[in-house]
PDB file of N, CA and C in Angstrom:
ATOM      1  N   MET A   1     -15.861  89.386 -39.638  1.00  0.00           N
ATOM      2  CA  MET A   1     -17.013  88.466 -40.130  1.00  0.00           C
ATOM      3  C   MET A   1     -17.386  87.480 -39.220  1.00  0.00           C
ATOM      4  N   ALA A   2     -18.541  87.343 -38.776  1.00  0.00           N
ATOM      5  CA  ALA A   2     -19.004  86.163 -37.960  1.00  0.00           C
ATOM      6  C   ALA A   2     -18.995  84.807 -38.335  1.00  0.00           C
ATOM      7  N   ALA A   3     -18.832  83.875 -37.461  1.00  0.00           N
ATOM      8  CA  ALA A   3     -18.238  82.597 -37.713  1.00  0.00           C
ATOM      9  C   ALA A   3     -19.618  81.824 -38.168  1.00  0.00           C
ATOM     10  N   ARG A   4     -19.371  80.891 -39.253  1.00  0.00           N
ATOM     11  CA  ARG A   4     -20.457  80.291 -39.862  1.00  0.00           C
ATOM     12  C   ARG A   4     -20.649  78.861 -39.670  1.00  0.00           C
ATOM     13  N   LEU A   5     -21.674  77.903 -39.755  1.00  0.00           N
ATOM     14  CA  LEU A   5     -21.590  76.701 -39.716  1.00  0.00           C
ATOM     15  C   LEU A   5     -22.063  75.865 -41.106  1.00  0.00           C
ATOM     16  N   LYS A   6     -21.345  75.010 -41.364  1.00  0.00           N
ATOM     17  CA  LYS A   6     -22.093  74.238 -42.370  1.00  0.00           C
ATOM     18  C   LYS A   6     -22.572  73.087 -41.817  1.00  0.00           C
ATOM     19  N   VAL A   7     -23.732  72.962 -42.099  1.00  0.00           N
ATOM     20  CA  VAL A   7     -24.620  71.573 -41.562  1.00  0.00           C
ATOM     21  C   VAL A   7     -24.812  70.805 -42.647  1.00  0.00           C
ATOM     22  N   THR A   8     -24.440  69.215 -42.693  1.00  0.00           N
ATOM     23  CA  THR A   8     -24.802  68.329 -43.475  1.00  0.00           C
ATOM     24  C   THR A   8     -25.572  67.389 -42.941  1.00  0.00           C
ATOM     25  N   GLN A   9     -26.650  66.904 -43.847  1.00  0.00           N
ATOM     26  CA  GLN A   9     -27.448  65.994 -43.744  1.00  0.00           C
ATOM     27  C   GLN A   9     -26.835  64.527 -43.499  1.00  0.00           C
ATOM     28  N   ILE A  10     -26.675  63.649 -42.692  1.00  0.00           N
ATOM     29  CA  ILE A  10     -25.941  62.562 -42.765  1.00  0.00           C
ATOM     30  C   ILE A  10     -26.674  60.967 -42.714  1.00  0.00           C
ATOM     31  N   LYS A  11     -28.280  61.363 -42.035  1.00  0.00           N
ATOM     32  CA  LYS A  11     -29.113  60.038 -41.801  1.00  0.00           C
ATOM     33  C   LYS A  11     -30.217  60.734 -42.105  1.00  0.00           C
ATOM     34  N   SER A  12     -31.376  59.675 -42.506  1.00  0.00           N
ATOM     35  CA  SER A  12     -32.474  59.978 -43.169  1.00  0.00           C
ATOM     36  C   SER A  12     -33.665  60.125 -42.165  1.00  0.00           C
ATOM     37  N   LYS A  13     -34.515  61.254 -42.332  1.00  0.00           N
ATOM     38  CA  LYS A  13     -35.732  61.826 -41.498  1.00  0.00           C
ATOM     39  C   LYS A  13     -36.835  60.757 -41.536  1.00  0.00           C
ATOM     40  N   VAL A  14     -36.724  59.640 -42.276  1.00  0.00           N
ATOM     41  CA  VAL A  14     -38.024  58.794 -42.608  1.00  0.00           C
ATOM     42  C   VAL A  14     -38.595  58.655 -41.098  1.00  0.00           C
ATOM     43  N   SER A  15     -37.631  57.734 -40.132  1.00  0.00           N
ATOM     44  CA  SER A  15     -38.371  57.240 -39.056  1.00  0.00           C
ATOM     45  C   SER A  15     -38.505  58.153 -37.763  1.00  0.00           C
ATOM     46  N   GLU A  16     -38.144  59.741 -38.061  1.00  0.00           N
ATOM     47  CA  GLU A  16     -38.068  60.869 -36.952  1.00  0.00           C
ATOM     48  C   GLU A  16     -39.250  61.157 -36.850  1.00  0.00           C
ATOM     49  N   LYS A  17     -39.634  62.056 -35.779  1.00  0.00           N
ATOM     50  CA  LYS A  17     -40.844  62.878 -35.288  1.00  0.00           C
ATOM     51  C   LYS A  17     -40.857  63.891 -36.559  1.00  0.00           C
ATOM     52  N   GLN A  18     -42.264  64.199 -36.206  1.00  0.00           N
ATOM     53  CA  GLN A  18     -42.648  65.162 -37.500  1.00  0.00           C
ATOM     54  C   GLN A  18     -41.577  66.834 -36.783  1.00  0.00           C
ATOM     55  N   ASN A  19     -41.489  67.179 -35.584  1.00  0.00           N
ATOM     56  CA  ASN A  19     -40.857  68.295 -35.228  1.00  0.00           C
ATOM     57  C   ASN A  19     -39.272  68.315 -35.918  1.00  0.00           C
ATOM     58  N   GLN A  20     -38.916  66.875 -35.738  1.00  0.00           N
ATOM     59  CA  GLN A  20     -37.730  67.177 -36.286  1.00  0.00           C
ATOM     60  C   GLN A  20     -37.386  66.810 -37.647  1.00  0.00           C
ATOM     61  N   ARG A  21     -38.358  66.348 -38.344  1.00  0.00           N
ATOM     62  CA  ARG A  21     -38.439  66.747 -39.963  1.00  0.00           C
ATOM     63  C   ARG A  21     -38.429  68.004 -40.298  1.00  0.00           C
ATOM     64  N   ASP A  22     -39.434  68.874 -39.311  1.00  0.00           N
ATOM     65  CA  ASP A  22     -39.685  70.195 -39.570  1.00  0.00           C
ATOM     66  C   ASP A  22     -38.507  71.212 -39.184  1.00  0.00           C
ATOM     67  N   THR A  23     -37.485  70.632 -38.596  1.00  0.00           N
ATOM     68  CA  THR A  23     -36.570  71.339 -38.064  1.00  0.00           C
ATOM     69  C   THR A  23     -35.599  71.314 -39.186  1.00  0.00           C
ATOM     70  N   LEU A  24     -35.016  69.930 -39.753  1.00  0.00           N
ATOM     71  CA  LEU A  24     -34.269  69.757 -40.947  1.00  0.00           C
ATOM     72  C   LEU A  24     -34.812  70.527 -42.284  1.00  0.00           C
ATOM     73  N   ARG A  25     -36.191  70.898 -42.419  1.00  0.00           N
ATOM     74  CA  ARG A  25     -36.722  71.379 -43.686  1.00  0.00           C
ATOM     75  C   ARG A  25     -36.205  72.584 -43.147  1.00  0.00           C
ATOM     76  N   SER A  26     -36.446  73.683 -41.931  1.00  0.00           N
ATOM     77  CA  SER A  26     -36.100  74.937 -41.399  1.00  0.00           C
ATOM     78  C   SER A  26     -34.775  75.226 -41.827  1.00  0.00           C
ATOM     79  N   LEU A  27     -33.786  73.922 -41.546  1.00  0.00           N
ATOM     80  CA  LEU A  27     -32.488  74.298 -41.615  1.00  0.00           C
ATOM     81  C   LEU A  27     -31.797  74.568 -43.336  1.00  0.00           C
ATOM     82  N   GLY A  28     -33.085  74.005 -44.070  1.00  0.00           N
ATOM     83  CA  GLY A  28     -32.939  73.911 -45.481  1.00  0.00           C
ATOM     84  C   GLY A  28     -32.376  72.683 -46.025  1.00  0.00           C
ATOM     85  N   LEU A  29     -32.385  71.338 -45.405  1.00  0.00           N
ATOM     86  CA  LEU A  29     -31.844  70.316 -45.627  1.00  0.00           C
ATOM     87  C   LEU A  29     -33.014  69.227 -46.408  1.00  0.00           C
ATOM     88  N   LYS A  30     -32.953  68.522 -47.232  1.00  0.00           N
ATOM     89  CA  LYS A  30     -34.028  67.984 -48.020  1.00  0.00           C
ATOM     90  C   LYS A  30     -33.862  66.231 -48.199  1.00  0.00           C
ATOM     91  N   ARG A  31     -32.473  66.216 -48.269  1.00  0.00           N
ATOM     92  CA  ARG A  31     -32.158  64.699 -48.159  1.00  0.00           C
ATOM     93  C   ARG A  31     -30.611  64.476 -47.770  1.00  0.00           C
ATOM     94  N   ILE A  32     -30.263  63.359 -47.805  1.00  0.00           N
ATOM     95  CA  ILE A  32     -29.075  62.687 -47.413  1.00  0.00           C
ATOM     96  C   ILE A  32     -27.838  63.377 -48.260  1.00  0.00           C
ATOM     97  N   GLY A  33     -26.626  63.915 -47.915  1.00  0.00           N
ATOM     98  CA  GLY A  33     -25.772  64.702 -48.171  1.00  0.00           C
ATOM     99  C   GLY A  33     -25.924  66.253 -48.598  1.00  0.00           C
ATOM    100  N   ASP A  34     -27.254  66.653 -48.391  1.00  0.00           N
ATOM    101  CA  ASP A  34     -27.273  68.060 -48.810  1.00  0.00           C
ATOM    102  C   ASP A  34     -26.503  68.929 -47.622  1.00  0.00           C
ATOM    103  N   ALA A  35     -26.106  70.035 -47.834  1.00  0.00           N
ATOM    104  CA  ALA A  35     -25.381  70.976 -46.891  1.00  0.00           C
ATOM    105  C   ALA A  35     -25.818  72.240 -46.802  1.00  0.00           C
ATOM    106  N   VAL A  36     -25.842  72.902 -46.300  1.00  0.00           N
ATOM    107  CA  VAL A  36     -26.220  74.473 -46.064  1.00  0.00           C
ATOM    108  C   VAL A  36     -25.139  75.181 -45.285  1.00  0.00           C
ATOM    109  N   VAL A  37     -24.842  76.396 -45.347  1.00  0.00           N
ATOM    110  CA  VAL A  37     -24.034  77.347 -44.556  1.00  0.00           C
ATOM    111  C   VAL A  37     -24.859  78.412 -43.821  1.00  0.00           C
ATOM    112  N   ARG A  38     -24.797  78.149 -42.446  1.00  0.00           N
ATOM    113  CA  ARG A  38     -25.716  79.126 -41.778  1.00  0.00           C
ATOM    114  C   ARG A  38     -24.753  80.081 -40.711  1.00  0.00           C
ATOM    115  N   PRO A  39     -25.601  81.243 -40.080  1.00  0.00           N
ATOM    116  CA  PRO A  39     -24.494  81.941 -39.434  1.00  0.00           C
ATOM    117  C   PRO A  39     -24.996  81.143 -38.089  1.00  0.00           C
ATOM    118  N   ASP A  40     -23.657  81.154 -37.253  1.00  0.00           N
ATOM    119  CA  ASP A  40     -23.605  80.604 -36.036  1.00  0.00           C
ATOM    120  C   ASP A  40     -24.279  81.242 -35.060  1.00  0.00           C
ATOM    121  N   ASP A  41     -25.625  81.264 -34.436  1.00  0.00           N
ATOM    122  CA  ASP A  41     -26.476  81.977 -33.743  1.00  0.00           C
ATOM    123  C   ASP A  41     -27.160  81.186 -32.863  1.00  0.00           C
ATOM    124  N   LEU A  42     -27.779  81.726 -31.933  1.00  0.00           N
ATOM    125  CA  LEU A  42     -28.152  80.539 -31.224  1.00  0.00           C
ATOM    126  C   LEU A  42     -29.738  79.825 -31.702  1.00  0.00           C
ATOM    127  N   GLN A  43     -30.154  80.653 -32.699  1.00  0.00           N
ATOM    128  CA  GLN A  43     -31.386  79.920 -33.389  1.00  0.00           C
ATOM    129  C   GLN A  43     -30.860  78.737 -33.981  1.00  0.00           C
ATOM    130  N   THR A  44     -29.550  78.831 -34.834  1.00  0.00           N
ATOM    131  CA  THR A  44     -28.955  77.759 -35.357  1.00  0.00           C
ATOM    132  C   THR A  44     -28.545  76.814 -34.488  1.00  0.00           C
ATOM    133  N   ARG A  45     -27.896  77.017 -33.487  1.00  0.00           N
ATOM    134  CA  ARG A  45     -27.329  76.153 -32.369  1.00  0.00           C
ATOM    135  C   ARG A  45     -28.586  75.243 -31.888  1.00  0.00           C
ATOM    136  N   GLY A  46     -29.709  75.959 -31.805  1.00  0.00           N
ATOM    137  CA  GLY A  46     -30.891  75.176 -31.204  1.00  0.00           C
ATOM    138  C   GLY A  46     -31.488  74.105 -32.214  1.00  0.00           C
ATOM    139  N   TYR A  47     -31.551  74.421 -33.357  1.00  0.00           N
ATOM    140  CA  TYR A  47     -31.924  73.755 -34.434  1.00  0.00           C
ATOM    141  C   TYR A  47     -31.104  72.649 -34.531  1.00  0.00           C
ATOM    142  N   VAL A  48     -29.698  72.783 -34.492  1.00  0.00           N
ATOM    143  CA  VAL A  48     -28.534  71.577 -34.429  1.00  0.00           C
ATOM    144  C   VAL A  48     -28.768  70.614 -33.354  1.00  0.00           C
ATOM    145  N   ARG A  49     -29.063  71.266 -32.295  1.00  0.00           N
ATOM    146  CA  ARG A  49     -29.106  70.506 -30.969  1.00  0.00           C
ATOM    147  C   ARG A  49     -30.505  69.661 -30.955  1.00  0.00           C
ATOM    148  N   ALA A  50     -31.497  69.705 -31.851  1.00  0.00           N
ATOM    149  CA  ALA A  50     -32.569  69.134 -31.847  1.00  0.00           C
ATOM    150  C   ALA A  50     -32.319  68.120 -32.995  1.00  0.00           C
ATOM    151  N   VAL A  51     -31.614  68.081 -33.706  1.00  0.00           N
ATOM    152  CA  VAL A  51     -31.293  66.877 -34.593  1.00  0.00           C
ATOM    153  C   VAL A  51     -29.808  66.508 -34.718  1.00  0.00           C
ATOM    154  N   ALA A  52     -29.073  66.694 -33.734  1.00  0.00           N
ATOM    155  CA  ALA A  52     -27.816  66.196 -33.748  1.00  0.00           C
ATOM    156  C   ALA A  52     -27.145  64.800 -34.119  1.00  0.00           C
ATOM    157  N   HIS A  53     -28.025  63.938 -34.098  1.00  0.00           N
ATOM    158  CA  HIS A  53     -28.239  62.563 -34.536  1.00  0.00           C
ATOM    159  C   HIS A  53     -28.480  62.485 -35.905  1.00  0.00           C
ATOM    160  N   LEU A  54     -29.063  63.494 -36.608  1.00  0.00           N
ATOM    161  CA  LEU A  54     -29.058  63.146 -38.065  1.00  0.00           C
ATOM    162  C   LEU A  54     -28.059  64.181 -38.889  1.00  0.00           C
ATOM    163  N   VAL A  55     -27.357  64.979 -38.575  1.00  0.00           N
ATOM    164  CA  VAL A  55     -26.535  65.822 -38.821  1.00  0.00           C
ATOM    165  C   VAL A  55     -24.997  66.236 -38.493  1.00  0.00           C
ATOM    166  N   LYS A  56     -24.079  66.399 -39.365  1.00  0.00           N
ATOM    167  CA  LYS A  56     -22.858  66.687 -38.979  1.00  0.00           C
ATOM    168  C   LYS A  56     -22.395  68.084 -39.028  1.00  0.00           C
ATOM    169  N   VAL A  57     -22.024  68.651 -38.326  1.00  0.00           N
ATOM    170  CA  VAL A  57     -21.619  70.201 -38.176  1.00  0.00           C
ATOM    171  C   VAL A  57     -20.191  70.541 -38.188  1.00  0.00           C
ATOM    172  N   GLU A  58     -19.742  71.475 -39.050  1.00  0.00           N
ATOM    173  CA  GLU A  58     -18.350  71.975 -38.860  1.00  0.00           C
ATOM    174  C   GLU A  58     -18.301  73.706 -38.737  1.00  0.00           C
ATOM    175  N   GLU A  59     -17.419  74.145 -38.486  1.00  0.00           N
ATOM    176  CA  GLU A  59     -17.360  75.508 -38.394  1.00  0.00           C
ATOM    177  C   GLU A  59     -16.234  76.240 -39.287  1.00  0.00           C
ATOM    178  N   ILE A  60     -16.938  76.844 -40.028  1.00  0.00           N
ATOM    179  CA  ILE A  60     -16.495  77.846 -40.947  1.00  0.00           C
ATOM    180  C   ILE A  60     -15.751  79.249 -40.802  1.00  0.00           C
ATOM    181  N   ASP A  61     -14.462  79.523 -40.873  1.00  0.00           N
ATOM    182  CA  ASP A  61     -14.305  80.867 -40.814  1.00  0.00           C
ATOM    183  C   ASP A  61     -14.735  82.011 -41.694  1.00  0.00           C
TER     184      ASP A  61
END
C-alpha cells in the first residue's frame, strides 16, 4: 500500500494570491480545519509546497 498524506488547512486563504487559493481548492480544502487524505505523489507534493505556509502535512501509513 502506498503512503498517503493528510493535509490540513491551518490558515486563511483570504489575503493570498489567486493561484494559492486555486491550489487549496484543488487539494479539496475549503476552510480552516478542513483535512483531506491524498496519495503521496509528486503532484500532491507540489501542491503542498505551493501552500506550505497555509497547511499542515502528516504522513499516514
